Structure formats: C-alpha cells, structure tokens
Amino acid sequence: KAYHKAFSVSDITTACFEFSNQLVKC
C-alpha cells in the first residue's frame, strides 16, 4: 500500500493518537 499513500507530518502525528496504532491494549 505504500506506493498509493503519502504521509505528512500531520498524518503520522494524528495516527499516533489513534487506538489502532497503540502498542498496548488501552
């Protein structure tokens, strides 16, 4: 999927606060 997506600084920062990107089930 990497070739179809471009990730800005804002995108990756927002993703870090999403439950689906947490490495702990909390």
PDB file of all heavy atoms in Angstrom:
ATOM      1  N   LYS A   1       0.809  -1.218   0.000  1.00  0.00           N
ATOM      2  CA  LYS A   1       0.000   0.000   0.000  1.00  0.00           C
ATOM      3  C   LYS A   1       0.842   1.267   0.000  1.00  0.00           C
ATOM      4  O   LYS A   1       0.329   2.361  -0.221  1.00  0.00           O
ATOM      5  CB  LYS A   1      -0.926   0.016   1.219  1.00  0.00           C
ATOM      6  CG  LYS A   1      -1.962  -1.095   1.220  1.00  0.00           C
ATOM      7  CD  LYS A   1      -2.811  -1.027   2.484  1.00  0.00           C
ATOM      8  CE  LYS A   1      -3.833  -2.156   2.523  1.00  0.00           C
ATOM      9  NZ  LYS A   1      -4.620  -2.140   3.777  1.00  0.00           N
ATOM     10  N   ALA A   2       2.110   1.143   0.259  1.00  0.00           N
ATOM     11  CA  ALA A   2       2.954   2.325   0.445  1.00  0.00           C
ATOM     12  C   ALA A   2       3.003   3.217  -0.793  1.00  0.00           C
ATOM     13  O   ALA A   2       3.095   4.444  -0.685  1.00  0.00           O
ATOM     14  CB  ALA A   2       4.363   1.901   0.825  1.00  0.00           C
ATOM     15  N   TYR A   3       2.920   2.616  -1.971  1.00  0.00           N
ATOM     16  CA  TYR A   3       3.045   3.395  -3.204  1.00  0.00           C
ATOM     17  C   TYR A   3       1.812   4.248  -3.463  1.00  0.00           C
ATOM     18  O   TYR A   3       1.842   5.160  -4.273  1.00  0.00           O
ATOM     19  CB  TYR A   3       3.287   2.446  -4.382  1.00  0.00           C
ATOM     20  CG  TYR A   3       4.554   1.649  -4.245  1.00  0.00           C
ATOM     21  CD1 TYR A   3       4.515   0.289  -3.928  1.00  0.00           C
ATOM     22  CD2 TYR A   3       5.807   2.250  -4.404  1.00  0.00           C
ATOM     23  CE1 TYR A   3       5.683  -0.452  -3.784  1.00  0.00           C
ATOM     24  CE2 TYR A   3       6.976   1.527  -4.264  1.00  0.00           C
ATOM     25  CZ  TYR A   3       6.906   0.176  -3.953  1.00  0.00           C
ATOM     26  OH  TYR A   3       8.063  -0.543  -3.804  1.00  0.00           O
ATOM     27  N   HIS A   4       0.719   3.951  -2.785  1.00  0.00           N
ATOM     28  CA  HIS A   4      -0.522   4.693  -3.009  1.00  0.00           C
ATOM     29  C   HIS A   4      -0.755   5.775  -1.962  1.00  0.00           C
ATOM     30  O   HIS A   4      -1.736   6.494  -2.026  1.00  0.00           O
ATOM     31  CB  HIS A   4      -1.716   3.732  -3.004  1.00  0.00           C
ATOM     32  CG  HIS A   4      -1.539   2.550  -3.900  1.00  0.00           C
ATOM     33  ND1 HIS A   4      -1.508   2.649  -5.279  1.00  0.00           N
ATOM     34  CD2 HIS A   4      -1.363   1.230  -3.627  1.00  0.00           C
ATOM     35  CE1 HIS A   4      -1.325   1.453  -5.801  1.00  0.00           C
ATOM     36  NE2 HIS A   4      -1.233   0.571  -4.826  1.00  0.00           N
ATOM     37  N   LYS A   5       0.150   5.884  -0.988  1.00  0.00           N
ATOM     38  CA  LYS A   5      -0.095   6.815   0.110  1.00  0.00           C
ATOM     39  C   LYS A   5       1.123   7.691   0.362  1.00  0.00           C
ATOM     40  O   LYS A   5       2.270   7.246   0.241  1.00  0.00           O
ATOM     41  CB  LYS A   5      -0.431   6.049   1.406  1.00  0.00           C
ATOM     42  CG  LYS A   5      -1.742   5.272   1.330  1.00  0.00           C
ATOM     43  CD  LYS A   5      -2.051   4.623   2.673  1.00  0.00           C
ATOM     44  CE  LYS A   5      -3.375   3.875   2.634  1.00  0.00           C
ATOM     45  NZ  LYS A   5      -3.694   3.247   3.934  1.00  0.00           N
ATOM     46  N   ALA A   6       0.858   8.925   0.702  1.00  0.00           N
ATOM     47  CA  ALA A   6       1.920   9.848   1.127  1.00  0.00           C
ATOM     48  C   ALA A   6       1.560  10.326   2.529  1.00  0.00           C
ATOM     49  O   ALA A   6       0.442  10.776   2.773  1.00  0.00           O
ATOM     50  CB  ALA A   6       2.011  11.025   0.168  1.00  0.00           C
ATOM     51  N   PHE A   7       2.477  10.203   3.454  1.00  0.00           N
ATOM     52  CA  PHE A   7       2.199  10.520   4.851  1.00  0.00           C
ATOM     53  C   PHE A   7       2.904  11.807   5.246  1.00  0.00           C
ATOM     54  O   PHE A   7       4.135  11.876   5.262  1.00  0.00           O
ATOM     55  CB  PHE A   7       2.655   9.374   5.758  1.00  0.00           C
ATOM     56  CG  PHE A   7       1.933   8.083   5.500  1.00  0.00           C
ATOM     57  CD1 PHE A   7       2.500   7.117   4.678  1.00  0.00           C
ATOM     58  CD2 PHE A   7       0.689   7.849   6.050  1.00  0.00           C
ATOM     59  CE1 PHE A   7       1.839   5.932   4.420  1.00  0.00           C
ATOM     60  CE2 PHE A   7       0.017   6.665   5.810  1.00  0.00           C
ATOM     61  CZ  PHE A   7       0.593   5.705   4.990  1.00  0.00           C
ATOM     62  N   SER A   8       2.112  12.826   5.561  1.00  0.00           N
ATOM     63  CA  SER A   8       2.680  14.093   6.026  1.00  0.00           C
ATOM     64  C   SER A   8       2.982  13.996   7.518  1.00  0.00           C
ATOM     65  O   SER A   8       2.590  13.038   8.192  1.00  0.00           O
ATOM     66  CB  SER A   8       1.685  15.229   5.773  1.00  0.00           C
ATOM     67  OG  SER A   8       0.529  15.058   6.587  1.00  0.00           O
ATOM     68  N   VAL A   9       3.668  15.007   8.034  1.00  0.00           N
ATOM     69  CA  VAL A   9       3.960  15.057   9.469  1.00  0.00           C
ATOM     70  C   VAL A   9       2.658  15.091  10.264  1.00  0.00           C
ATOM     71  O   VAL A   9       2.521  14.434  11.301  1.00  0.00           O
ATOM     72  CB  VAL A   9       4.837  16.287   9.794  1.00  0.00           C
ATOM     73  CG1 VAL A   9       4.996  16.455  11.301  1.00  0.00           C
ATOM     74  CG2 VAL A   9       6.208  16.139   9.135  1.00  0.00           C
ATOM     75  N   SER A  10       1.686  15.834   9.760  1.00  0.00           N
ATOM     76  CA  SER A  10       0.385  15.906  10.428  1.00  0.00           C
ATOM     77  C   SER A  10      -0.307  14.542  10.444  1.00  0.00           C
ATOM     78  O   SER A  10      -0.899  14.144  11.458  1.00  0.00           O
ATOM     79  CB  SER A  10      -0.500  16.935   9.714  1.00  0.00           C
ATOM     80  OG  SER A  10      -1.776  16.996  10.317  1.00  0.00           O
ATOM     81  N   ASP A  11      -0.216  13.796   9.344  1.00  0.00           N
ATOM     82  CA  ASP A  11      -0.853  12.484   9.246  1.00  0.00           C
ATOM     83  C   ASP A  11      -0.291  11.508  10.273  1.00  0.00           C
ATOM     84  O   ASP A  11      -1.043  10.818  10.975  1.00  0.00           O
ATOM     85  CB  ASP A  11      -0.676  11.893   7.839  1.00  0.00           C
ATOM     86  CG  ASP A  11      -1.458  12.646   6.788  1.00  0.00           C
ATOM     87  OD1 ASP A  11      -2.457  13.287   7.147  1.00  0.00           O
ATOM     88  OD2 ASP A  11      -1.054  12.598   5.602  1.00  0.00           O
ATOM     89  N   ILE A  12       1.028  11.432  10.347  1.00  0.00           N
ATOM     90  CA  ILE A  12       1.632  10.443  11.250  1.00  0.00           C
ATOM     91  C   ILE A  12       1.462  10.856  12.710  1.00  0.00           C
ATOM     92  O   ILE A  12       1.343  10.004  13.598  1.00  0.00           O
ATOM     93  CB  ILE A  12       3.122  10.184  10.905  1.00  0.00           C
ATOM     94  CG1 ILE A  12       3.971  11.461  11.040  1.00  0.00           C
ATOM     95  CG2 ILE A  12       3.264   9.596   9.511  1.00  0.00           C
ATOM     96  CD1 ILE A  12       5.464  11.220  10.800  1.00  0.00           C
ATOM     97  N   THR A  13       1.423  12.171  12.978  1.00  0.00           N
ATOM     98  CA  THR A  13       1.193  12.637  14.349  1.00  0.00           C
ATOM     99  C   THR A  13      -0.220  12.273  14.793  1.00  0.00           C
ATOM    100  O   THR A  13      -0.421  11.763  15.905  1.00  0.00           O
ATOM    101  CB  THR A  13       1.395  14.158  14.444  1.00  0.00           C
ATOM    102  OG1 THR A  13       2.705  14.495  13.968  1.00  0.00           O
ATOM    103  CG2 THR A  13       1.251  14.631  15.886  1.00  0.00           C
ATOM    104  N   THR A  14      -1.194  12.504  13.923  1.00  0.00           N
ATOM    105  CA  THR A  14      -2.583  12.155  14.234  1.00  0.00           C
ATOM    106  C   THR A  14      -2.727  10.654  14.448  1.00  0.00           C
ATOM    107  O   THR A  14      -3.416  10.207  15.375  1.00  0.00           O
ATOM    108  CB  THR A  14      -3.520  12.602  13.100  1.00  0.00           C
ATOM    109  OG1 THR A  14      -3.383  14.012  12.913  1.00  0.00           O
ATOM    110  CG2 THR A  14      -4.966  12.275  13.407  1.00  0.00           C
ATOM    111  N   ALA A  15      -2.049   9.860  13.609  1.00  0.00           N
ATOM    112  CA  ALA A  15      -2.148   8.402  13.702  1.00  0.00           C
ATOM    113  C   ALA A  15      -1.644   7.874  15.038  1.00  0.00           C
ATOM    114  O   ALA A  15      -2.167   6.889  15.564  1.00  0.00           O
ATOM    115  CB  ALA A  15      -1.373   7.759  12.554  1.00  0.00           C
ATOM    116  N   CYS A  16      -0.638   8.532  15.603  1.00  0.00           N
ATOM    117  CA  CYS A  16      -0.073   8.081  16.883  1.00  0.00           C
ATOM    118  C   CYS A  16      -1.084   8.156  18.024  1.00  0.00           C
ATOM    119  O   CYS A  16      -0.972   7.415  19.003  1.00  0.00           O
ATOM    120  CB  CYS A  16       1.161   8.908  17.238  1.00  0.00           C
ATOM    121  SG  CYS A  16       2.683   8.101  16.762  1.00  0.00           S
ATOM    122  N   PHE A  17      -2.042   9.054  17.911  1.00  0.00           N
ATOM    123  CA  PHE A  17      -3.041   9.204  18.980  1.00  0.00           C
ATOM    124  C   PHE A  17      -4.248   8.299  18.767  1.00  0.00           C
ATOM    125  O   PHE A  17      -5.182   8.320  19.571  1.00  0.00           O
ATOM    126  CB  PHE A  17      -3.483  10.664  19.071  1.00  0.00           C
ATOM    127  CG  PHE A  17      -2.462  11.561  19.711  1.00  0.00           C
ATOM    128  CD1 PHE A  17      -1.491  12.176  18.946  1.00  0.00           C
ATOM    129  CD2 PHE A  17      -2.459  11.768  21.082  1.00  0.00           C
ATOM    130  CE1 PHE A  17      -0.533  12.994  19.533  1.00  0.00           C
ATOM    131  CE2 PHE A  17      -1.517  12.583  21.687  1.00  0.00           C
ATOM    132  CZ  PHE A  17      -0.542  13.200  20.910  1.00  0.00           C
ATOM    133  N   GLU A  18      -4.234   7.526  17.695  1.00  0.00           N
ATOM    134  CA  GLU A  18      -5.348   6.621  17.438  1.00  0.00           C
ATOM    135  C   GLU A  18      -5.121   5.282  18.131  1.00  0.00           C
ATOM    136  O   GLU A  18      -3.999   4.788  18.214  1.00  0.00           O
ATOM    137  CB  GLU A  18      -5.524   6.417  15.926  1.00  0.00           C
ATOM    138  CG  GLU A  18      -5.970   7.683  15.201  1.00  0.00           C
ATOM    139  CD  GLU A  18      -5.994   7.512  13.688  1.00  0.00           C
ATOM    140  OE1 GLU A  18      -5.636   6.402  13.221  1.00  0.00           O
ATOM    141  OE2 GLU A  18      -6.345   8.478  12.998  1.00  0.00           O
ATOM    142  N   PHE A  19      -6.208   4.725  18.617  1.00  0.00           N
ATOM    143  CA  PHE A  19      -6.157   3.471  19.355  1.00  0.00           C
ATOM    144  C   PHE A  19      -5.500   2.357  18.548  1.00  0.00           C
ATOM    145  O   PHE A  19      -4.777   1.518  19.077  1.00  0.00           O
ATOM    146  CB  PHE A  19      -7.596   3.079  19.748  1.00  0.00           C
ATOM    147  CG  PHE A  19      -7.705   1.776  20.474  1.00  0.00           C
ATOM    148  CD1 PHE A  19      -7.067   1.585  21.697  1.00  0.00           C
ATOM    149  CD2 PHE A  19      -8.442   0.730  19.945  1.00  0.00           C
ATOM    150  CE1 PHE A  19      -7.171   0.385  22.373  1.00  0.00           C
ATOM    151  CE2 PHE A  19      -8.554  -0.477  20.612  1.00  0.00           C
ATOM    152  CZ  PHE A  19      -7.915  -0.644  21.829  1.00  0.00           C
ATOM    153  N   SER A  20      -5.728   2.370  17.231  1.00  0.00           N
ATOM    154  CA  SER A  20      -5.234   1.287  16.366  1.00  0.00           C
ATOM    155  C   SER A  20      -3.718   1.286  16.213  1.00  0.00           C
ATOM    156  O   SER A  20      -3.140   0.303  15.746  1.00  0.00           O
ATOM    157  CB  SER A  20      -5.885   1.380  14.975  1.00  0.00           C
ATOM    158  OG  SER A  20      -5.607   2.639  14.383  1.00  0.00           O
ATOM    159  N   ASN A  21      -3.047   2.373  16.581  1.00  0.00           N
ATOM    160  CA  ASN A  21      -1.588   2.447  16.461  1.00  0.00           C
ATOM    161  C   ASN A  21      -0.874   2.294  17.792  1.00  0.00           C
ATOM    162  O   ASN A  21       0.348   2.373  17.856  1.00  0.00           O
ATOM    163  CB  ASN A  21      -1.170   3.775  15.807  1.00  0.00           C
ATOM    164  CG  ASN A  21      -1.381   3.771  14.309  1.00  0.00           C
ATOM    165  OD1 ASN A  21      -2.500   3.629  13.834  1.00  0.00           O
ATOM    166  ND2 ASN A  21      -0.313   3.920  13.559  1.00  0.00           N
ATOM    167  N   GLN A  22      -1.633   2.084  18.871  1.00  0.00           N
ATOM    168  CA  GLN A  22      -1.030   1.898  20.191  1.00  0.00           C
ATOM    169  C   GLN A  22      -0.502   0.477  20.311  1.00  0.00           C
ATOM    170  O   GLN A  22      -1.170  -0.478  19.925  1.00  0.00           O
ATOM    171  CB  GLN A  22      -2.082   2.130  21.288  1.00  0.00           C
ATOM    172  CG  GLN A  22      -2.700   3.511  21.277  1.00  0.00           C
ATOM    173  CD  GLN A  22      -1.872   4.523  22.046  1.00  0.00           C
ATOM    174  OE1 GLN A  22      -0.943   4.167  22.762  1.00  0.00           O
ATOM    175  NE2 GLN A  22      -2.221   5.775  21.912  1.00  0.00           N
ATOM    176  N   LEU A  23       0.680   0.325  20.864  1.00  0.00           N
ATOM    177  CA  LEU A  23       1.279  -0.999  21.058  1.00  0.00           C
ATOM    178  C   LEU A  23       0.877  -1.618  22.387  1.00  0.00           C
ATOM    179  O   LEU A  23       1.449  -2.624  22.819  1.00  0.00           O
ATOM    180  CB  LEU A  23       2.807  -0.924  20.946  1.00  0.00           C
ATOM    181  CG  LEU A  23       3.374  -0.323  19.650  1.00  0.00           C
ATOM    182  CD1 LEU A  23       4.878  -0.521  19.588  1.00  0.00           C
ATOM    183  CD2 LEU A  23       2.716  -0.915  18.416  1.00  0.00           C
ATOM    184  N   VAL A  24      -0.095  -1.006  23.063  1.00  0.00           N
ATOM    185  CA  VAL A  24      -0.672  -1.546  24.298  1.00  0.00           C
ATOM    186  C   VAL A  24      -2.186  -1.484  24.165  1.00  0.00           C
ATOM    187  O   VAL A  24      -2.726  -0.497  23.656  1.00  0.00           O
ATOM    188  CB  VAL A  24      -0.231  -0.734  25.542  1.00  0.00           C
ATOM    189  CG1 VAL A  24      -0.808  -1.337  26.813  1.00  0.00           C
ATOM    190  CG2 VAL A  24       1.272  -0.684  25.643  1.00  0.00           C
ATOM    191  N   LYS A  25      -2.874  -2.524  24.615  1.00  0.00           N
ATOM    192  CA  LYS A  25      -4.333  -2.572  24.521  1.00  0.00           C
ATOM    193  C   LYS A  25      -4.967  -1.730  25.626  1.00  0.00           C
ATOM    194  O   LYS A  25      -5.531  -2.246  26.593  1.00  0.00           O
ATOM    195  CB  LYS A  25      -4.815  -4.024  24.628  1.00  0.00           C
ATOM    196  CG  LYS A  25      -4.775  -4.773  23.310  1.00  0.00           C
ATOM    197  CD  LYS A  25      -5.921  -4.353  22.417  1.00  0.00           C
ATOM    198  CE  LYS A  25      -5.922  -5.148  21.119  1.00  0.00           C
ATOM    199  NZ  LYS A  25      -7.003  -4.778  20.233  1.00  0.00           N
ATOM    200  N   CYS A  26      -4.854  -0.426  25.487  1.00  0.00           N
ATOM    201  CA  CYS A  26      -5.509   0.521  26.393  1.00  0.00           C
ATOM    202  C   CYS A  26      -6.067   1.649  25.536  1.00  0.00           C
ATOM    203  O   CYS A  26      -5.384   2.122  24.628  1.00  0.00           O
ATOM    204  CB  CYS A  26      -4.528   1.101  27.405  1.00  0.00           C
ATOM    205  SG  CYS A  26      -4.035  -0.052  28.684  1.00  0.00           S
TER     206      CYS A  26
END
